Every structure is written in structure tokens, then in C-alpha cells.
Amino acid sequence: MKRMRAALAATLLVVLLAGCGQNPDDASTTTAPAPSEPLLHGVVLDEAIRPVANATVRVQETNATSTTGADGMYRFDALPTDRAIVLVATKDGYLPNARQITLVPGTPMRMNFTLEAVPVKVPRHQVLPFNGLVGCQLATEVSGQNRTVECAGGTPEETRWDFPVEPDLAGVVLEINWEPTTPAAETLGARLETTGLGASNAVLSEVVGPSPLRMVVPQITAERYYAAGGLMRLTVYAQPDNDANEAGAGAALAFQQDYRAFASLFYVAPPDPTYTVYN
């Protein structure tokens, strides 16, 4: 029994001595070293805190760029340090997001971005009705073989309507309809113009004729004057046709004509060329 114990002790001693003689560097080769962090890194997210893939993060000072992967991560290994730099995250369909940071040499830093989706503008249109009455005093005079007709004195000879216009205006269709109450009311005039712009006010459209009258403000004009919204003015006025006036020389009659007007305002997308409120 003593001999068996001595033999086991000797064997254990040999094993321990063999372990002590192993090179420590040999053990390190069995474990991969931890990767070093980039100088600047982070993740690009959307408003729902989801990674945004294929987003571009650009350094304004150097134009260096990094593209995010499926996990939304970006990285830069070498950038200017000890001074402020600006990074901008962009992707189609999202609003850009810019952030500023000052990096320290040898100190990895993390900076995340959140991108907001570009608001979707939905085409829409609004119809504003106007019921008006044009009135004035008609007089006729004879000068040789010519007869003239004019509105003078008495009641107002025109009516005006100012109405608000929102941003993103893409076009206007304005139609006026009436049933003539006298031969002199066969013809009316209408003018559409900007208002509130001082010296920059402009006539957008003007027509004279029988019912119905139609005026159109095209998209290029709407965007020029109403990029930020504003006011538009409709003026309807008496414009009697000389041949339609049956009054005799020196006679006078009261001119009164009611009408119905509809301003159709189109936003984001312009109106169809065949559009009419009377359909």
C-alpha cells in the first residue's frame, strides 16, 4: 500500500512540473483579441427607433463619408481631433440631421442620429362660394352716331371678395355664373389679383363676357406668389354691352345683377384642365 501511494505521488508531481513549464503566450493564441473601437461610431435610427440602412453620414470639414449597414451602424477610424466638426446624416425620403462634436485623440466616442421621414403632401382642393350683387346707375348719351354707356354715381359698381390662400397652392379655377335680369346685365367683368403685397401686387387674371365667366391661375403663377400663402382678391364689376342697352337717349336705369362665384383652390397638385365646379 505504501509503495502504491508513493507511485501516485510521483506521477502527480511529474504532471504538475510539466504544466509549470508551459509557455504563457501559447495559451493567449487560443483566444481572439477584442477589436478596438473606431474613433467615432454610432447608429442612425428612424422615429420609431429602428435602424436605418444605407444612410450616409458625412463629415462636412473633410467630406469623409460612412454608409450604414443593416444594423444602422456607421464608423470613422480617423477624423480631426481637438476641434469641432459637423456631421450630417442623410437618406432619401428623410430630412437631413446635422450634429456637432469635438473628438479627443485616442478616445473613442459614440454619436447617434435620428432621421425624420419627409412629410407626405397629399393633393387636395377647397371650394369657396361667394354670392354677390353688382349695382350701379346706367346712363346713356348720344354724341353724333355714337352711344356710350357707363356706370356712374349711386350704388357701388363692383363687389370685392378677399379670401385666404394656404401654402403649397398649385392652381386656382374661379367660375362666375348668373342669370341676366336685364339686357344690360348680359355681360359682367371679373378680376382676380394678389393683395397685401404692396408694390408687388399683380393681376392674375381678368375676363369680361357673358355667363359663365372662368379664370384660371396656373401652377407656375400660384407658386410664385403664394409659396407661403397669403390673400387673393376677386372683383366682380358691371360691364354692360352698349348694344344690349335698350335705353333711349338721355334715359337712365338702375343696374342690379346678382351672381354666384366659386373659387376652387388646388394644393400640391394643379387642377385637371377639364375641371369645373358645375359638373
C-alpha atoms as a PDB file:
ATOM      1  CA  MET A   1       0.000   0.000   0.000  1.00  0.00           C
ATOM      2  CA  LYS A   2       2.844   2.418   0.858  1.00  0.00           C
ATOM      3  CA  ARG A   3       4.510   1.635  -2.481  1.00  0.00           C
ATOM      4  CA  MET A   4       1.264   2.434  -4.410  1.00  0.00           C
ATOM      5  CA  ARG A   5       0.852   5.776  -2.632  1.00  0.00           C
ATOM      6  CA  ALA A   6       4.473   6.694  -3.415  1.00  0.00           C
ATOM      7  CA  ALA A   7       3.977   5.866  -7.098  1.00  0.00           C
ATOM      8  CA  LEU A   8       0.818   8.055  -7.369  1.00  0.00           C
ATOM      9  CA  ALA A   9       2.570  10.960  -5.686  1.00  0.00           C
ATOM     10  CA  ALA A  10       5.469  10.715  -8.087  1.00  0.00           C
ATOM     11  CA  THR A  11       3.120  10.690 -11.088  1.00  0.00           C
ATOM     12  CA  LEU A  12       1.217  13.763  -9.843  1.00  0.00           C
ATOM     13  CA  LEU A  13       4.490  15.619  -9.318  1.00  0.00           C
ATOM     14  CA  VAL A  14       5.541  14.946 -12.928  1.00  0.00           C
ATOM     15  CA  VAL A  15       2.214  16.305 -14.259  1.00  0.00           C
ATOM     16  CA  LEU A  16       2.463  19.464 -12.170  1.00  0.00           C
ATOM     17  CA  LEU A  17       6.007  20.087 -13.267  1.00  0.00           C
ATOM     18  CA  ALA A  18       5.021  19.669 -16.930  1.00  0.00           C
ATOM     19  CA  GLY A  19       2.249  22.269 -16.525  1.00  0.00           C
ATOM     20  CA  CYS A  20       4.583  24.743 -14.940  1.00  0.00           C
ATOM     21  CA  GLY A  21       6.911  24.517 -17.880  1.00  0.00           C
ATOM     22  CA  GLN A  22       4.262  25.584 -20.465  1.00  0.00           C
ATOM     23  CA  ASN A  23       4.824  28.952 -22.296  1.00  0.00           C
ATOM     24  CA  PRO A  24       2.140  31.544 -21.200  1.00  0.00           C
ATOM     25  CA  ASP A  25       1.970  33.027 -24.746  1.00  0.00           C
ATOM     26  CA  ASP A  26       0.788  29.658 -26.041  1.00  0.00           C
ATOM     27  CA  ALA A  27      -2.450  29.980 -24.046  1.00  0.00           C
ATOM     28  CA  SER A  28      -3.184  33.507 -25.458  1.00  0.00           C
ATOM     29  CA  THR A  29      -3.254  32.239 -29.020  1.00  0.00           C
ATOM     30  CA  THR A  30      -6.401  30.271 -28.288  1.00  0.00           C
ATOM     31  CA  THR A  31      -8.474  33.449 -27.533  1.00  0.00           C
ATOM     32  CA  ALA A  32      -9.098  36.164 -30.211  1.00  0.00           C
ATOM     33  CA  PRO A  33      -8.210  39.717 -29.057  1.00  0.00           C
ATOM     34  CA  ALA A  34     -11.091  42.190 -28.571  1.00  0.00           C
ATOM     35  CA  PRO A  35     -11.460  44.501 -31.611  1.00  0.00           C
ATOM     36  CA  SER A  36     -10.621  48.167 -30.983  1.00  0.00           C
ATOM     37  CA  GLU A  37     -13.468  50.700 -31.202  1.00  0.00           C
ATOM     38  CA  PRO A  38     -13.339  53.272 -34.031  1.00  0.00           C
ATOM     39  CA  LEU A  39     -12.643  56.868 -33.081  1.00  0.00           C
ATOM     40  CA  LEU A  40     -16.237  57.850 -33.861  1.00  0.00           C
ATOM     41  CA  HIS A  41     -19.160  55.493 -34.332  1.00  0.00           C
ATOM     42  CA  GLY A  42     -22.897  55.338 -33.771  1.00  0.00           C
ATOM     43  CA  VAL A  43     -26.225  54.281 -35.159  1.00  0.00           C
ATOM     44  CA  VAL A  44     -28.750  56.015 -37.419  1.00  0.00           C
ATOM     45  CA  LEU A  45     -32.364  55.427 -36.335  1.00  0.00           C
ATOM     46  CA  ASP A  46     -35.792  56.482 -37.555  1.00  0.00           C
ATOM     47  CA  GLU A  47     -38.505  57.989 -35.369  1.00  0.00           C
ATOM     48  CA  ALA A  48     -39.683  54.504 -34.404  1.00  0.00           C
ATOM     49  CA  ILE A  49     -36.128  53.710 -33.114  1.00  0.00           C
ATOM     50  CA  ARG A  50     -35.488  51.295 -35.986  1.00  0.00           C
ATOM     51  CA  PRO A  51     -32.067  51.098 -37.686  1.00  0.00           C
ATOM     52  CA  VAL A  52     -31.861  52.975 -40.984  1.00  0.00           C
ATOM     53  CA  ALA A  53     -29.779  51.048 -43.514  1.00  0.00           C
ATOM     54  CA  ASN A  54     -27.870  52.708 -46.396  1.00  0.00           C
ATOM     55  CA  ALA A  55     -27.908  56.116 -44.743  1.00  0.00           C
ATOM     56  CA  THR A  56     -24.893  58.357 -45.395  1.00  0.00           C
ATOM     57  CA  VAL A  57     -23.036  60.128 -42.601  1.00  0.00           C
ATOM     58  CA  ARG A  58     -20.735  62.841 -43.976  1.00  0.00           C
ATOM     59  CA  VAL A  59     -18.130  64.969 -42.210  1.00  0.00           C
ATOM     60  CA  GLN A  60     -18.504  68.487 -43.581  1.00  0.00           C
ATOM     61  CA  GLU A  61     -14.925  69.534 -42.870  1.00  0.00           C
ATOM     62  CA  THR A  62     -13.305  66.606 -44.724  1.00  0.00           C
ATOM     63  CA  ASN A  63     -16.150  65.213 -46.874  1.00  0.00           C
ATOM     64  CA  ALA A  64     -15.353  61.784 -45.423  1.00  0.00           C
ATOM     65  CA  THR A  65     -18.414  59.528 -45.545  1.00  0.00           C
ATOM     66  CA  SER A  66     -19.639  56.330 -43.953  1.00  0.00           C
ATOM     67  CA  THR A  67     -22.647  54.265 -45.051  1.00  0.00           C
ATOM     68  CA  THR A  68     -24.761  52.446 -42.500  1.00  0.00           C
ATOM     69  CA  GLY A  69     -25.335  48.717 -42.691  1.00  0.00           C
ATOM     70  CA  ALA A  70     -28.450  46.715 -41.924  1.00  0.00           C
ATOM     71  CA  ASP A  71     -27.901  47.452 -38.218  1.00  0.00           C
ATOM     72  CA  GLY A  72     -27.827  51.221 -38.883  1.00  0.00           C
ATOM     73  CA  MET A  73     -24.211  51.494 -37.657  1.00  0.00           C
ATOM     74  CA  TYR A  74     -21.603  53.871 -39.102  1.00  0.00           C
ATOM     75  CA  ARG A  75     -17.925  54.323 -38.155  1.00  0.00           C
ATOM     76  CA  PHE A  76     -14.941  56.595 -38.751  1.00  0.00           C
ATOM     77  CA  ASP A  77     -11.439  55.449 -37.777  1.00  0.00           C
ATOM     78  CA  ALA A  78      -9.594  58.710 -38.429  1.00  0.00           C
ATOM     79  CA  LEU A  79     -11.005  62.212 -38.084  1.00  0.00           C
ATOM     80  CA  PRO A  80      -9.734  65.633 -36.975  1.00  0.00           C
ATOM     81  CA  THR A  81      -9.439  65.943 -33.196  1.00  0.00           C
ATOM     82  CA  ASP A  82      -9.371  68.771 -30.654  1.00  0.00           C
ATOM     83  CA  ARG A  83     -11.671  70.918 -32.773  1.00  0.00           C
ATOM     84  CA  ALA A  84     -15.367  70.964 -33.538  1.00  0.00           C
ATOM     85  CA  ILE A  85     -16.539  69.064 -36.599  1.00  0.00           C
ATOM     86  CA  VAL A  86     -20.044  68.770 -38.058  1.00  0.00           C
ATOM     87  CA  LEU A  87     -21.539  65.519 -39.288  1.00  0.00           C
ATOM     88  CA  VAL A  88     -24.696  65.260 -41.403  1.00  0.00           C
ATOM     89  CA  ALA A  89     -26.792  62.098 -41.716  1.00  0.00           C
ATOM     90  CA  THR A  90     -28.907  61.829 -44.877  1.00  0.00           C
ATOM     91  CA  LYS A  91     -31.062  59.377 -46.774  1.00  0.00           C
ATOM     92  CA  ASP A  92     -33.674  59.764 -49.497  1.00  0.00           C
ATOM     93  CA  GLY A  93     -37.127  60.115 -48.000  1.00  0.00           C
ATOM     94  CA  TYR A  94     -35.807  61.591 -44.738  1.00  0.00           C
ATOM     95  CA  LEU A  95     -34.963  65.092 -43.529  1.00  0.00           C
ATOM     96  CA  PRO A  96     -31.195  65.647 -43.003  1.00  0.00           C
ATOM     97  CA  ASN A  97     -29.898  65.733 -39.418  1.00  0.00           C
ATOM     98  CA  ALA A  98     -26.689  67.586 -38.508  1.00  0.00           C
ATOM     99  CA  ARG A  99     -24.749  67.297 -35.253  1.00  0.00           C
ATOM    100  CA  GLN A 100     -21.508  68.769 -33.924  1.00  0.00           C
ATOM    101  CA  ILE A 101     -18.815  67.007 -31.897  1.00  0.00           C
ATOM    102  CA  THR A 102     -15.230  67.553 -30.691  1.00  0.00           C
ATOM    103  CA  LEU A 103     -13.115  64.397 -30.700  1.00  0.00           C
ATOM    104  CA  VAL A 104     -10.252  63.629 -28.292  1.00  0.00           C
ATOM    105  CA  PRO A 105      -7.178  61.730 -29.549  1.00  0.00           C
ATOM    106  CA  GLY A 106      -7.240  58.069 -28.522  1.00  0.00           C
ATOM    107  CA  THR A 107     -10.740  58.319 -27.014  1.00  0.00           C
ATOM    108  CA  PRO A 108     -13.467  56.504 -28.981  1.00  0.00           C
ATOM    109  CA  MET A 109     -16.774  58.352 -28.947  1.00  0.00           C
ATOM    110  CA  ARG A 110     -20.324  57.439 -29.918  1.00  0.00           C
ATOM    111  CA  MET A 111     -22.903  59.749 -31.503  1.00  0.00           C
ATOM    112  CA  ASN A 112     -26.313  58.604 -32.749  1.00  0.00           C
ATOM    113  CA  PHE A 113     -28.643  60.234 -35.287  1.00  0.00           C
ATOM    114  CA  THR A 114     -32.431  60.172 -35.602  1.00  0.00           C
ATOM    115  CA  LEU A 115     -33.904  60.844 -39.043  1.00  0.00           C
ATOM    116  CA  GLU A 116     -37.448  62.133 -39.534  1.00  0.00           C
ATOM    117  CA  ALA A 117     -39.365  60.992 -42.601  1.00  0.00           C
ATOM    118  CA  VAL A 118     -40.173  63.714 -45.145  1.00  0.00           C
ATOM    119  CA  PRO A 119     -43.839  64.652 -44.645  1.00  0.00           C
ATOM    120  CA  VAL A 120     -46.060  63.299 -47.402  1.00  0.00           C
ATOM    121  CA  LYS A 121     -48.082  66.060 -49.023  1.00  0.00           C
ATOM    122  CA  VAL A 122     -51.469  64.833 -50.183  1.00  0.00           C
ATOM    123  CA  PRO A 123     -53.146  66.693 -53.081  1.00  0.00           C
ATOM    124  CA  ARG A 124     -56.400  68.347 -52.032  1.00  0.00           C
ATOM    125  CA  HIS A 125     -58.682  71.154 -53.095  1.00  0.00           C
ATOM    126  CA  GLN A 126     -61.035  73.601 -51.448  1.00  0.00           C
ATOM    127  CA  VAL A 127     -64.126  75.296 -52.906  1.00  0.00           C
ATOM    128  CA  LEU A 128     -65.096  78.746 -51.602  1.00  0.00           C
ATOM    129  CA  PRO A 129     -68.571  80.016 -52.607  1.00  0.00           C
ATOM    130  CA  PHE A 130     -69.454  83.705 -52.997  1.00  0.00           C
ATOM    131  CA  ASN A 131     -72.926  85.165 -53.593  1.00  0.00           C
ATOM    132  CA  GLY A 132     -72.788  88.792 -54.691  1.00  0.00           C
ATOM    133  CA  LEU A 133     -74.747  91.672 -56.127  1.00  0.00           C
ATOM    134  CA  VAL A 134     -73.399  94.238 -58.577  1.00  0.00           C
ATOM    135  CA  GLY A 135     -75.289  97.527 -58.767  1.00  0.00           C
ATOM    136  CA  CYS A 136     -74.840 100.926 -60.359  1.00  0.00           C
ATOM    137  CA  GLN A 137     -76.718 103.607 -62.303  1.00  0.00           C
ATOM    138  CA  LEU A 138     -76.622 103.340 -66.084  1.00  0.00           C
ATOM    139  CA  ALA A 139     -76.857 106.434 -68.245  1.00  0.00           C
ATOM    140  CA  THR A 140     -76.844 106.815 -71.982  1.00  0.00           C
ATOM    141  CA  GLU A 141     -75.795 109.793 -74.058  1.00  0.00           C
ATOM    142  CA  VAL A 142     -75.851 110.462 -77.761  1.00  0.00           C
ATOM    143  CA  SER A 143     -72.914 112.090 -79.485  1.00  0.00           C
ATOM    144  CA  GLY A 144     -73.356 112.096 -83.211  1.00  0.00           C
ATOM    145  CA  GLN A 145     -73.955 108.492 -84.202  1.00  0.00           C
ATOM    146  CA  ASN A 146     -72.219 107.049 -81.123  1.00  0.00           C
ATOM    147  CA  ARG A 147     -73.840 105.910 -77.899  1.00  0.00           C
ATOM    148  CA  THR A 148     -71.826 105.381 -74.710  1.00  0.00           C
ATOM    149  CA  VAL A 149     -72.849 103.512 -71.586  1.00  0.00           C
ATOM    150  CA  GLU A 150     -71.197 103.959 -68.218  1.00  0.00           C
ATOM    151  CA  CYS A 151     -71.815 103.208 -64.563  1.00  0.00           C
ATOM    152  CA  ALA A 152     -71.735 106.423 -62.573  1.00  0.00           C
ATOM    153  CA  GLY A 153     -72.681 107.532 -59.050  1.00  0.00           C
ATOM    154  CA  GLY A 154     -75.315 105.944 -56.873  1.00  0.00           C
ATOM    155  CA  THR A 155     -74.677 102.411 -55.636  1.00  0.00           C
ATOM    156  CA  PRO A 156     -71.284 100.660 -55.855  1.00  0.00           C
ATOM    157  CA  GLU A 157     -70.461  99.405 -59.330  1.00  0.00           C
ATOM    158  CA  GLU A 158     -68.354  96.473 -58.141  1.00  0.00           C
ATOM    159  CA  THR A 159     -68.056  93.952 -55.323  1.00  0.00           C
ATOM    160  CA  ARG A 160     -64.821  92.629 -53.837  1.00  0.00           C
ATOM    161  CA  TRP A 161     -64.008  89.448 -52.010  1.00  0.00           C
ATOM    162  CA  ASP A 162     -60.712  88.798 -50.183  1.00  0.00           C
ATOM    163  CA  PHE A 163     -60.075  85.160 -49.297  1.00  0.00           C
ATOM    164  CA  PRO A 164     -57.113  83.355 -47.668  1.00  0.00           C
ATOM    165  CA  VAL A 165     -54.738  81.098 -49.575  1.00  0.00           C
ATOM    166  CA  GLU A 166     -52.599  78.478 -47.815  1.00  0.00           C
ATOM    167  CA  PRO A 167     -49.014  77.452 -48.721  1.00  0.00           C
ATOM    168  CA  ASP A 168     -48.441  74.829 -51.451  1.00  0.00           C
ATOM    169  CA  LEU A 169     -51.031  76.421 -53.742  1.00  0.00           C
ATOM    170  CA  ALA A 170     -50.791  74.711 -57.141  1.00  0.00           C
ATOM    171  CA  GLY A 171     -53.589  76.424 -59.070  1.00  0.00           C
ATOM    172  CA  VAL A 172     -56.951  78.188 -58.934  1.00  0.00           C
ATOM    173  CA  VAL A 173     -60.093  77.831 -61.019  1.00  0.00           C
ATOM    174  CA  LEU A 174     -62.625  80.609 -60.478  1.00  0.00           C
ATOM    175  CA  GLU A 175     -66.046  80.472 -62.118  1.00  0.00           C
ATOM    176  CA  ILE A 176     -68.887  83.020 -62.034  1.00  0.00           C
ATOM    177  CA  ASN A 177     -72.449  82.255 -63.071  1.00  0.00           C
ATOM    178  CA  TRP A 178     -75.553  84.451 -63.245  1.00  0.00           C
ATOM    179  CA  GLU A 179     -78.916  84.744 -64.957  1.00  0.00           C
ATOM    180  CA  PRO A 180     -79.225  88.226 -66.520  1.00  0.00           C
ATOM    181  CA  THR A 181     -82.090  90.267 -65.110  1.00  0.00           C
ATOM    182  CA  THR A 182     -81.823  92.931 -67.847  1.00  0.00           C
ATOM    183  CA  PRO A 183     -80.258  93.039 -71.305  1.00  0.00           C
ATOM    184  CA  ALA A 184     -77.532  95.319 -69.883  1.00  0.00           C
ATOM    185  CA  ALA A 185     -76.561  92.553 -67.441  1.00  0.00           C
ATOM    186  CA  GLU A 186     -75.738  90.066 -70.169  1.00  0.00           C
ATOM    187  CA  THR A 187     -72.083  90.973 -69.653  1.00  0.00           C
ATOM    188  CA  LEU A 188     -70.083  91.250 -66.430  1.00  0.00           C
ATOM    189  CA  GLY A 189     -66.396  91.666 -65.727  1.00  0.00           C
ATOM    190  CA  ALA A 190     -64.234  89.882 -63.165  1.00  0.00           C
ATOM    191  CA  ARG A 191     -60.672  90.360 -61.980  1.00  0.00           C
ATOM    192  CA  LEU A 192     -58.506  88.084 -59.821  1.00  0.00           C
ATOM    193  CA  GLU A 193     -55.425  89.610 -58.206  1.00  0.00           C
ATOM    194  CA  THR A 194     -52.995  89.394 -55.335  1.00  0.00           C
ATOM    195  CA  THR A 195     -53.497  91.656 -52.343  1.00  0.00           C
ATOM    196  CA  GLY A 196     -51.409  92.576 -49.339  1.00  0.00           C
ATOM    197  CA  LEU A 197     -48.129  92.562 -51.316  1.00  0.00           C
ATOM    198  CA  GLY A 198     -47.804  96.329 -51.666  1.00  0.00           C
ATOM    199  CA  ALA A 199     -45.987  97.374 -54.845  1.00  0.00           C
ATOM    200  CA  SER A 200     -45.654  93.701 -55.811  1.00  0.00           C
ATOM    201  CA  ASN A 201     -49.410  93.183 -56.239  1.00  0.00           C
ATOM    202  CA  ALA A 202     -50.345  91.791 -59.640  1.00  0.00           C
ATOM    203  CA  VAL A 203     -53.440  90.949 -61.673  1.00  0.00           C
ATOM    204  CA  LEU A 204     -53.567  87.169 -62.003  1.00  0.00           C
ATOM    205  CA  SER A 205     -56.447  87.019 -64.495  1.00  0.00           C
ATOM    206  CA  GLU A 206     -59.229  89.238 -65.859  1.00  0.00           C
ATOM    207  CA  VAL A 207     -62.187  88.407 -68.095  1.00  0.00           C
ATOM    208  CA  VAL A 208     -65.243  90.186 -69.478  1.00  0.00           C
ATOM    209  CA  GLY A 209     -68.167  88.422 -71.090  1.00  0.00           C
ATOM    210  CA  PRO A 210     -71.445  86.562 -70.702  1.00  0.00           C
ATOM    211  CA  SER A 211     -72.173  83.932 -68.083  1.00  0.00           C
ATOM    212  CA  PRO A 212     -70.364  81.816 -67.099  1.00  0.00           C
ATOM    213  CA  LEU A 213     -67.015  83.555 -66.634  1.00  0.00           C
ATOM    214  CA  ARG A 214     -63.951  81.408 -65.973  1.00  0.00           C
ATOM    215  CA  MET A 215     -60.469  82.390 -64.759  1.00  0.00           C
ATOM    216  CA  VAL A 216     -57.511  80.060 -64.187  1.00  0.00           C
ATOM    217  CA  VAL A 217     -54.325  80.729 -62.204  1.00  0.00           C
ATOM    218  CA  PRO A 218     -51.664  78.252 -63.436  1.00  0.00           C
ATOM    219  CA  GLN A 219     -49.284  76.414 -61.141  1.00  0.00           C
ATOM    220  CA  ILE A 220     -46.210  78.478 -62.022  1.00  0.00           C
ATOM    221  CA  THR A 221     -48.042  81.700 -61.061  1.00  0.00           C
ATOM    222  CA  ALA A 222     -49.571  80.191 -57.913  1.00  0.00           C
ATOM    223  CA  GLU A 223     -46.150  79.032 -56.672  1.00  0.00           C
ATOM    224  CA  ARG A 224     -44.581  82.396 -57.460  1.00  0.00           C
ATOM    225  CA  TYR A 225     -46.989  84.485 -55.385  1.00  0.00           C
ATOM    226  CA  TYR A 226     -48.271  82.038 -52.782  1.00  0.00           C
ATOM    227  CA  ALA A 227     -45.329  79.869 -51.744  1.00  0.00           C
ATOM    228  CA  ALA A 228     -46.028  80.970 -48.161  1.00  0.00           C
ATOM    229  CA  GLY A 229     -49.765  81.579 -48.558  1.00  0.00           C
ATOM    230  CA  GLY A 230     -51.496  84.953 -48.424  1.00  0.00           C
ATOM    231  CA  LEU A 231     -54.648  86.675 -49.645  1.00  0.00           C
ATOM    232  CA  MET A 232     -56.331  86.695 -53.063  1.00  0.00           C
ATOM    233  CA  ARG A 233     -58.933  89.215 -54.220  1.00  0.00           C
ATOM    234  CA  LEU A 234     -61.895  88.678 -56.540  1.00  0.00           C
ATOM    235  CA  THR A 235     -63.557  91.754 -58.009  1.00  0.00           C
ATOM    236  CA  VAL A 236     -66.812  91.495 -59.980  1.00  0.00           C
ATOM    237  CA  TYR A 237     -67.944  94.628 -61.794  1.00  0.00           C
ATOM    238  CA  ALA A 238     -70.640  95.895 -64.142  1.00  0.00           C
ATOM    239  CA  GLN A 239     -69.541  95.878 -67.765  1.00  0.00           C
ATOM    240  CA  PRO A 240     -72.674  96.378 -69.852  1.00  0.00           C
ATOM    241  CA  ASP A 241     -72.577  95.870 -73.600  1.00  0.00           C
ATOM    242  CA  ASN A 242     -73.608  99.006 -75.495  1.00  0.00           C
ATOM    243  CA  ASP A 243     -75.635  97.011 -77.987  1.00  0.00           C
ATOM    244  CA  ALA A 244     -77.529  95.318 -75.154  1.00  0.00           C
ATOM    245  CA  ASN A 245     -78.641  98.590 -73.604  1.00  0.00           C
ATOM    246  CA  GLU A 246     -82.136  99.337 -74.803  1.00  0.00           C
ATOM    247  CA  ALA A 247     -82.491 102.697 -73.062  1.00  0.00           C
ATOM    248  CA  GLY A 248     -83.080 105.732 -75.218  1.00  0.00           C
ATOM    249  CA  ALA A 249     -81.015 108.903 -75.416  1.00  0.00           C
ATOM    250  CA  GLY A 250     -80.708 110.559 -72.041  1.00  0.00           C
ATOM    251  CA  ALA A 251     -82.529 107.743 -70.256  1.00  0.00           C
ATOM    252  CA  ALA A 252     -81.304 106.128 -67.081  1.00  0.00           C
ATOM    253  CA  LEU A 253     -81.987 102.825 -65.403  1.00  0.00           C
ATOM    254  CA  ALA A 254     -80.845 101.010 -62.273  1.00  0.00           C
ATOM    255  CA  PHE A 255     -78.401  98.199 -62.920  1.00  0.00           C
ATOM    256  CA  GLN A 256     -78.554  95.364 -60.402  1.00  0.00           C
ATOM    257  CA  GLN A 257     -77.351  91.846 -61.020  1.00  0.00           C
ATOM    258  CA  ASP A 258     -76.787  89.014 -58.551  1.00  0.00           C
ATOM    259  CA  TYR A 259     -74.227  86.289 -59.258  1.00  0.00           C
ATOM    260  CA  ARG A 260     -72.721  83.127 -57.834  1.00  0.00           C
ATOM    261  CA  ALA A 261     -68.945  82.654 -57.769  1.00  0.00           C
ATOM    262  CA  PHE A 262     -66.858  79.639 -56.800  1.00  0.00           C
ATOM    263  CA  ALA A 263     -63.110  79.764 -56.132  1.00  0.00           C
ATOM    264  CA  SER A 264     -61.600  76.275 -56.330  1.00  0.00           C
ATOM    265  CA  LEU A 265     -58.140  76.246 -54.719  1.00  0.00           C
ATOM    266  CA  PHE A 266     -55.870  73.295 -55.539  1.00  0.00           C
ATOM    267  CA  TYR A 267     -52.961  72.406 -53.286  1.00  0.00           C
ATOM    268  CA  VAL A 268     -49.838  70.316 -54.075  1.00  0.00           C
ATOM    269  CA  ALA A 269     -51.202  69.147 -57.477  1.00  0.00           C
ATOM    270  CA  PRO A 270     -52.733  71.502 -60.086  1.00  0.00           C
ATOM    271  CA  PRO A 271     -56.333  71.103 -61.286  1.00  0.00           C
ATOM    272  CA  ASP A 272     -57.323  68.914 -64.191  1.00  0.00           C
ATOM    273  CA  PRO A 273     -57.734  71.126 -67.303  1.00  0.00           C
ATOM    274  CA  THR A 274     -61.351  69.989 -67.638  1.00  0.00           C
ATOM    275  CA  TYR A 275     -62.251  70.780 -64.034  1.00  0.00           C
ATOM    276  CA  THR A 276     -65.421  72.788 -63.358  1.00  0.00           C
ATOM    277  CA  VAL A 277     -67.449  73.223 -60.204  1.00  0.00           C
ATOM    278  CA  TYR A 278     -70.659  72.953 -62.213  1.00  0.00           C
ATOM    279  CA  ASN A 279     -70.214  69.247 -63.019  1.00  0.00           C
END
